[in-house]
């Protein structure tokens, strides 16, 4: 299991290189919470996005395939 947290702000400076205010990158190194590389397989992940400005939260569950 691995939990990644990425915080953004509403600053216009955060969106360089053509990124929109609705798009952010969160980098993951392919390792679990113990620092071990994950193996090949199918993984289920949950993405949770919160907006403090709009006071809303959206969650999406998807699959990730590592070959």
PDB file of N, CA and C in Angstrom:
ATOM      1  N   UNK A   1       0.852  -1.176   0.000  1.00  0.00           N
ATOM      2  CA  UNK A   1       0.000   0.000   0.000  1.00  0.00           C
ATOM      3  C   UNK A   1       0.890   1.229   0.000  1.00  0.00           C
ATOM      4  N   UNK A   2       0.435   2.270  -0.696  1.00  0.00           N
ATOM      5  CA  UNK A   2       1.174   3.521  -0.733  1.00  0.00           C
ATOM      6  C   UNK A   2       0.177   4.657  -0.781  1.00  0.00           C
ATOM      7  N   UNK A   3       0.416   5.674   0.015  1.00  0.00           N
ATOM      8  CA  UNK A   3      -0.427   6.861   0.012  1.00  0.00           C
ATOM      9  C   UNK A   3       0.409   8.038  -0.461  1.00  0.00           C
ATOM     10  N   UNK A   4      -0.068   8.726  -1.468  1.00  0.00           N
ATOM     11  CA  UNK A   4       0.603   9.914  -1.987  1.00  0.00           C
ATOM     12  C   UNK A   4      -0.278  11.109  -1.714  1.00  0.00           C
ATOM     13  N   UNK A   5       0.304  12.170  -1.220  1.00  0.00           N
ATOM     14  CA  UNK A   5      -0.452  13.390  -0.981  1.00  0.00           C
ATOM     15  C   UNK A   5       0.167  14.510  -1.792  1.00  0.00           C
ATOM     16  N   UNK A   6      -0.641  15.166  -2.554  1.00  0.00           N
ATOM     17  CA  UNK A   6      -0.185  16.310  -3.333  1.00  0.00           C
ATOM     18  C   UNK A   6      -1.088  17.484  -3.066  1.00  0.00           C
ATOM     19  N   UNK A   7      -0.518  18.560  -2.560  1.00  0.00           N
ATOM     20  CA  UNK A   7      -1.317  19.749  -2.307  1.00  0.00           C
ATOM     21  C   UNK A   7      -1.015  20.791  -3.365  1.00  0.00           C
ATOM     22  N   UNK A   8      -2.032  21.493  -3.752  1.00  0.00           N
ATOM     23  CA  UNK A   8      -1.877  22.591  -4.692  1.00  0.00           C
ATOM     24  C   UNK A   8      -2.497  23.829  -4.073  1.00  0.00           C
ATOM     25  N   UNK A   9      -2.198  24.951  -4.687  1.00  0.00           N
ATOM     26  CA  UNK A   9      -2.830  26.189  -4.232  1.00  0.00           C
ATOM     27  C   UNK A   9      -3.460  26.879  -5.428  1.00  0.00           C
ATOM     28  N   UNK A  10      -4.079  27.994  -5.193  1.00  0.00           N
ATOM     29  CA  UNK A  10      -4.779  28.700  -6.267  1.00  0.00           C
ATOM     30  C   UNK A  10      -3.906  29.704  -6.985  1.00  0.00           C
ATOM     31  N   UNK A  11      -2.617  29.712  -6.706  1.00  0.00           N
ATOM     32  CA  UNK A  11      -1.705  30.663  -7.318  1.00  0.00           C
ATOM     33  C   UNK A  11      -1.563  30.390  -8.805  1.00  0.00           C
ATOM     34  N   UNK A  12      -1.539  31.433  -9.612  1.00  0.00           N
ATOM     35  CA  UNK A  12      -1.359  31.255 -11.047  1.00  0.00           C
ATOM     36  C   UNK A  12       0.068  30.820 -11.363  1.00  0.00           C
ATOM     37  N   UNK A  13       1.007  30.995 -10.432  1.00  0.00           N
ATOM     38  CA  UNK A  13       2.387  30.597 -10.645  1.00  0.00           C
ATOM     39  C   UNK A  13       2.550  29.083 -10.643  1.00  0.00           C
ATOM     40  N   UNK A  14       1.583  28.345 -10.119  1.00  0.00           N
ATOM     41  CA  UNK A  14       1.707  26.896 -10.000  1.00  0.00           C
ATOM     42  C   UNK A  14       1.521  26.179 -11.326  1.00  0.00           C
ATOM     43  N   UNK A  15       1.001  26.890 -12.344  1.00  0.00           N
ATOM     44  CA  UNK A  15       0.559  26.207 -13.559  1.00  0.00           C
ATOM     45  C   UNK A  15       1.451  26.515 -14.749  1.00  0.00           C
ATOM     46  N   UNK A  16       2.730  26.307 -14.622  1.00  0.00           N
ATOM     47  CA  UNK A  16       3.649  26.580 -15.713  1.00  0.00           C
ATOM     48  C   UNK A  16       3.572  25.533 -16.796  1.00  0.00           C
ATOM     49  N   UNK A  17       4.256  25.783 -17.894  1.00  0.00           N
ATOM     50  CA  UNK A  17       4.394  24.847 -19.011  1.00  0.00           C
ATOM     51  C   UNK A  17       3.062  24.407 -19.585  1.00  0.00           C
ATOM     52  N   UNK A  18       2.093  25.270 -19.644  1.00  0.00           N
ATOM     53  CA  UNK A  18       0.835  24.965 -20.310  1.00  0.00           C
ATOM     54  C   UNK A  18      -0.175  24.193 -19.494  1.00  0.00           C
ATOM     55  N   UNK A  19       0.130  23.875 -18.247  1.00  0.00           N
ATOM     56  CA  UNK A  19      -0.843  23.148 -17.420  1.00  0.00           C
ATOM     57  C   UNK A  19      -1.995  24.063 -17.056  1.00  0.00           C
ATOM     58  N   UNK A  20      -3.174  23.520 -17.010  1.00  0.00           N
ATOM     59  CA  UNK A  20      -4.335  24.326 -16.645  1.00  0.00           C
ATOM     60  C   UNK A  20      -4.513  24.306 -15.139  1.00  0.00           C
ATOM     61  N   UNK A  21      -5.389  25.157 -14.647  1.00  0.00           N
ATOM     62  CA  UNK A  21      -5.681  25.206 -13.216  1.00  0.00           C
ATOM     63  C   UNK A  21      -6.405  23.943 -12.763  1.00  0.00           C
ATOM     64  N   UNK A  22      -6.894  23.130 -13.706  1.00  0.00           N
ATOM     65  CA  UNK A  22      -7.611  21.908 -13.357  1.00  0.00           C
ATOM     66  C   UNK A  22      -6.730  20.667 -13.472  1.00  0.00           C
ATOM     67  N   UNK A  23      -5.448  20.834 -13.733  1.00  0.00           N
ATOM     68  CA  UNK A  23      -4.563  19.704 -13.944  1.00  0.00           C
ATOM     69  C   UNK A  23      -3.318  19.833 -13.082  1.00  0.00           C
ATOM     70  N   UNK A  24      -2.974  18.757 -12.376  1.00  0.00           N
ATOM     71  CA  UNK A  24      -1.768  18.728 -11.548  1.00  0.00           C
ATOM     72  C   UNK A  24      -1.104  17.372 -11.692  1.00  0.00           C
ATOM     73  N   UNK A  25       0.200  17.315 -11.596  1.00  0.00           N
ATOM     74  CA  UNK A  25       0.948  16.067 -11.618  1.00  0.00           C
ATOM     75  C   UNK A  25       1.366  15.693 -10.202  1.00  0.00           C
ATOM     76  N   UNK A  26       1.230  14.425  -9.878  1.00  0.00           N
ATOM     77  CA  UNK A  26       1.764  13.883  -8.635  1.00  0.00           C
ATOM     78  C   UNK A  26       2.709  12.767  -9.052  1.00  0.00           C
ATOM     79  N   UNK A  27       3.966  12.865  -8.654  1.00  0.00           N
ATOM     80  CA  UNK A  27       4.983  11.906  -9.073  1.00  0.00           C
ATOM     81  C   UNK A  27       5.047  10.761  -8.072  1.00  0.00           C
ATOM     82  N   UNK A  28       5.093   9.535  -8.602  1.00  0.00           N
ATOM     83  CA  UNK A  28       5.216   8.338  -7.780  1.00  0.00           C
ATOM     84  C   UNK A  28       6.385   7.523  -8.317  1.00  0.00           C
ATOM     85  N   UNK A  29       7.250   7.048  -7.447  1.00  0.00           N
ATOM     86  CA  UNK A  29       8.459   6.329  -7.851  1.00  0.00           C
ATOM     87  C   UNK A  29       8.269   4.824  -8.029  1.00  0.00           C
ATOM     88  N   UNK A  30       7.042   4.334  -7.942  1.00  0.00           N
ATOM     89  CA  UNK A  30       6.782   2.902  -8.130  1.00  0.00           C
ATOM     90  C   UNK A  30       7.118   2.059  -6.915  1.00  0.00           C
ATOM     91  N   UNK A  31       7.204   2.688  -5.742  1.00  0.00           N
ATOM     92  CA  UNK A  31       7.554   1.963  -4.526  1.00  0.00           C
ATOM     93  C   UNK A  31       6.393   2.008  -3.536  1.00  0.00           C
ATOM     94  N   UNK A  32       6.354   0.989  -2.656  1.00  0.00           N
ATOM     95  CA  UNK A  32       5.310   0.947  -1.642  1.00  0.00           C
ATOM     96  C   UNK A  32       5.738   1.743  -0.403  1.00  0.00           C
ATOM     97  N   UNK A  33       4.931   1.700   0.650  1.00  0.00           N
ATOM     98  CA  UNK A  33       5.231   2.465   1.869  1.00  0.00           C
ATOM     99  C   UNK A  33       6.510   2.009   2.566  1.00  0.00           C
ATOM    100  N   UNK A  34       7.008   0.805   2.230  1.00  0.00           N
ATOM    101  CA  UNK A  34       8.237   0.291   2.838  1.00  0.00           C
ATOM    102  C   UNK A  34       9.463   0.586   1.980  1.00  0.00           C
ATOM    103  N   UNK A  35       9.259   1.238   0.838  1.00  0.00           N
ATOM    104  CA  UNK A  35      10.363   1.572  -0.048  1.00  0.00           C
ATOM    105  C   UNK A  35      10.707   0.485  -1.048  1.00  0.00           C
ATOM    106  N   UNK A  36       9.922  -0.595  -1.079  1.00  0.00           N
ATOM    107  CA  UNK A  36      10.161  -1.685  -2.021  1.00  0.00           C
ATOM    108  C   UNK A  36       9.451  -1.404  -3.341  1.00  0.00           C
ATOM    109  N   UNK A  37      10.110  -1.748  -4.470  1.00  0.00           N
ATOM    110  CA  UNK A  37       9.464  -1.602  -5.772  1.00  0.00           C
ATOM    111  C   UNK A  37       8.312  -2.598  -5.865  1.00  0.00           C
ATOM    112  N   UNK A  38       7.190  -2.155  -6.408  1.00  0.00           N
ATOM    113  CA  UNK A  38       6.065  -3.078  -6.553  1.00  0.00           C
ATOM    114  C   UNK A  38       6.323  -4.003  -7.729  1.00  0.00           C
ATOM    115  N   UNK A  39       5.760  -5.176  -7.663  1.00  0.00           N
ATOM    116  CA  UNK A  39       5.944  -6.168  -8.712  1.00  0.00           C
ATOM    117  C   UNK A  39       4.929  -6.017  -9.827  1.00  0.00           C
ATOM    118  N   UNK A  40       5.116  -6.833 -10.845  1.00  0.00           N
ATOM    119  CA  UNK A  40       4.173  -6.847 -11.958  1.00  0.00           C
ATOM    120  C   UNK A  40       2.822  -7.326 -11.457  1.00  0.00           C
ATOM    121  N   UNK A  41       1.766  -6.785 -12.040  1.00  0.00           N
ATOM    122  CA  UNK A  41       0.434  -7.219 -11.651  1.00  0.00           C
ATOM    123  C   UNK A  41      -0.607  -6.155 -11.903  1.00  0.00           C
ATOM    124  N   UNK A  42      -1.802  -6.430 -11.442  1.00  0.00           N
ATOM    125  CA  UNK A  42      -2.924  -5.500 -11.559  1.00  0.00           C
ATOM    126  C   UNK A  42      -3.202  -4.953 -10.165  1.00  0.00           C
ATOM    127  N   UNK A  43      -3.234  -3.652 -10.054  1.00  0.00           N
ATOM    128  CA  UNK A  43      -3.445  -2.982  -8.779  1.00  0.00           C
ATOM    129  C   UNK A  43      -4.683  -2.103  -8.860  1.00  0.00           C
ATOM    130  N   UNK A  44      -5.379  -2.002  -7.758  1.00  0.00           N
ATOM    131  CA  UNK A  44      -6.537  -1.117  -7.660  1.00  0.00           C
ATOM    132  C   UNK A  44      -6.097   0.124  -6.897  1.00  0.00           C
ATOM    133  N   UNK A  45      -6.437   1.293  -7.432  1.00  0.00           N
ATOM    134  CA  UNK A  45      -6.088   2.527  -6.739  1.00  0.00           C
ATOM    135  C   UNK A  45      -7.303   3.429  -6.603  1.00  0.00           C
ATOM    136  N   UNK A  46      -7.243   4.288  -5.603  1.00  0.00           N
ATOM    137  CA  UNK A  46      -8.317   5.247  -5.378  1.00  0.00           C
ATOM    138  C   UNK A  46      -7.727   6.645  -5.411  1.00  0.00           C
ATOM    139  N   UNK A  47      -8.316   7.498  -6.221  1.00  0.00           N
ATOM    140  CA  UNK A  47      -7.917   8.896  -6.324  1.00  0.00           C
ATOM    141  C   UNK A  47      -8.981   9.738  -5.632  1.00  0.00           C
ATOM    142  N   UNK A  48      -8.552  10.546  -4.684  1.00  0.00           N
ATOM    143  CA  UNK A  48      -9.467  11.439  -3.981  1.00  0.00           C
ATOM    144  C   UNK A  48      -9.017  12.875  -4.232  1.00  0.00           C
ATOM    145  N   UNK A  49      -9.924  13.683  -4.701  1.00  0.00           N
ATOM    146  CA  UNK A  49      -9.630  15.098  -4.970  1.00  0.00           C
ATOM    147  C   UNK A  49     -10.562  15.937  -4.124  1.00  0.00           C
ATOM    148  N   UNK A  50      -9.973  16.851  -3.371  1.00  0.00           N
ATOM    149  CA  UNK A  50     -10.762  17.759  -2.525  1.00  0.00           C
ATOM    150  C   UNK A  50     -10.538  19.191  -2.961  1.00  0.00           C
ATOM    151  N   UNK A  51     -11.587  19.962  -2.926  1.00  0.00           N
ATOM    152  CA  UNK A  51     -11.505  21.396  -3.178  1.00  0.00           C
ATOM    153  C   UNK A  51     -12.001  22.118  -1.936  1.00  0.00           C
ATOM    154  N   UNK A  52     -11.077  22.776  -1.246  1.00  0.00           N
ATOM    155  CA  UNK A  52     -11.482  23.570  -0.088  1.00  0.00           C
ATOM    156  C   UNK A  52     -12.275  24.797  -0.524  1.00  0.00           C
ATOM    157  N   UNK A  53     -11.968  25.303  -1.705  1.00  0.00           N
ATOM    158  CA  UNK A  53     -12.676  26.472  -2.225  1.00  0.00           C
ATOM    159  C   UNK A  53     -14.147  26.164  -2.469  1.00  0.00           C
ATOM    160  N   UNK A  54     -14.412  25.007  -3.098  1.00  0.00           N
ATOM    161  CA  UNK A  54     -15.789  24.613  -3.414  1.00  0.00           C
ATOM    162  C   UNK A  54     -16.419  23.750  -2.329  1.00  0.00           C
ATOM    163  N   UNK A  55     -15.617  23.351  -1.336  1.00  0.00           N
ATOM    164  CA  UNK A  55     -16.080  22.483  -0.253  1.00  0.00           C
ATOM    165  C   UNK A  55     -16.667  21.178  -0.803  1.00  0.00           C
ATOM    166  N   UNK A  56     -15.910  20.552  -1.756  1.00  0.00           N
ATOM    167  CA  UNK A  56     -16.357  19.306  -2.375  1.00  0.00           C
ATOM    168  C   UNK A  56     -15.225  18.294  -2.392  1.00  0.00           C
ATOM    169  N   UNK A  57     -15.598  17.007  -2.453  1.00  0.00           N
ATOM    170  CA  UNK A  57     -14.643  15.913  -2.556  1.00  0.00           C
ATOM    171  C   UNK A  57     -15.177  14.908  -3.568  1.00  0.00           C
ATOM    172  N   UNK A  58     -14.288  14.429  -4.456  1.00  0.00           N
ATOM    173  CA  UNK A  58     -14.648  13.435  -5.461  1.00  0.00           C
ATOM    174  C   UNK A  58     -13.659  12.287  -5.352  1.00  0.00           C
ATOM    175  N   UNK A  59     -14.156  11.047  -5.417  1.00  0.00           N
ATOM    176  CA  UNK A  59     -13.307   9.865  -5.367  1.00  0.00           C
ATOM    177  C   UNK A  59     -13.543   9.010  -6.609  1.00  0.00           C
ATOM    178  N   UNK A  60     -12.469   8.424  -7.104  1.00  0.00           N
ATOM    179  CA  UNK A  60     -12.547   7.549  -8.285  1.00  0.00           C
ATOM    180  C   UNK A  60     -11.681   6.320  -8.014  1.00  0.00           C
ATOM    181  N   UNK A  61     -12.185   5.134  -8.296  1.00  0.00           N
ATOM    182  CA  UNK A  61     -11.436   3.891  -8.130  1.00  0.00           C
ATOM    183  C   UNK A  61     -11.185   3.309  -9.507  1.00  0.00           C
ATOM    184  N   UNK A  62      -9.903   2.993  -9.774  1.00  0.00           N
ATOM    185  CA  UNK A  62      -9.490   2.478 -11.085  1.00  0.00           C
ATOM    186  C   UNK A  62      -8.480   1.358 -10.912  1.00  0.00           C
ATOM    187  N   UNK A  63      -8.078   0.746 -12.028  1.00  0.00           N
ATOM    188  CA  UNK A  63      -7.058  -0.292 -12.044  1.00  0.00           C
ATOM    189  C   UNK A  63      -5.795   0.231 -12.705  1.00  0.00           C
ATOM    190  N   UNK A  64      -4.647  -0.248 -12.217  1.00  0.00           N
ATOM    191  CA  UNK A  64      -3.342   0.066 -12.783  1.00  0.00           C
ATOM    192  C   UNK A  64      -2.661  -1.246 -13.116  1.00  0.00           C
ATOM    193  N   UNK A  65      -2.199  -1.409 -14.352  1.00  0.00           N
ATOM    194  CA  UNK A  65      -1.535  -2.639 -14.772  1.00  0.00           C
ATOM    195  C   UNK A  65      -0.042  -2.347 -14.914  1.00  0.00           C
ATOM    196  N   UNK A  66       0.792  -3.112 -14.194  1.00  0.00           N
ATOM    197  CA  UNK A  66       2.239  -3.004 -14.283  1.00  0.00           C
ATOM    198  C   UNK A  66       2.739  -4.249 -15.002  1.00  0.00           C
ATOM    199  N   UNK A  67       3.394  -4.052 -16.141  1.00  0.00           N
ATOM    200  CA  UNK A  67       3.891  -5.188 -16.937  1.00  0.00           C
ATOM    201  C   UNK A  67       5.378  -5.370 -16.756  1.00  0.00           C
TER     202      UNK A  67
END
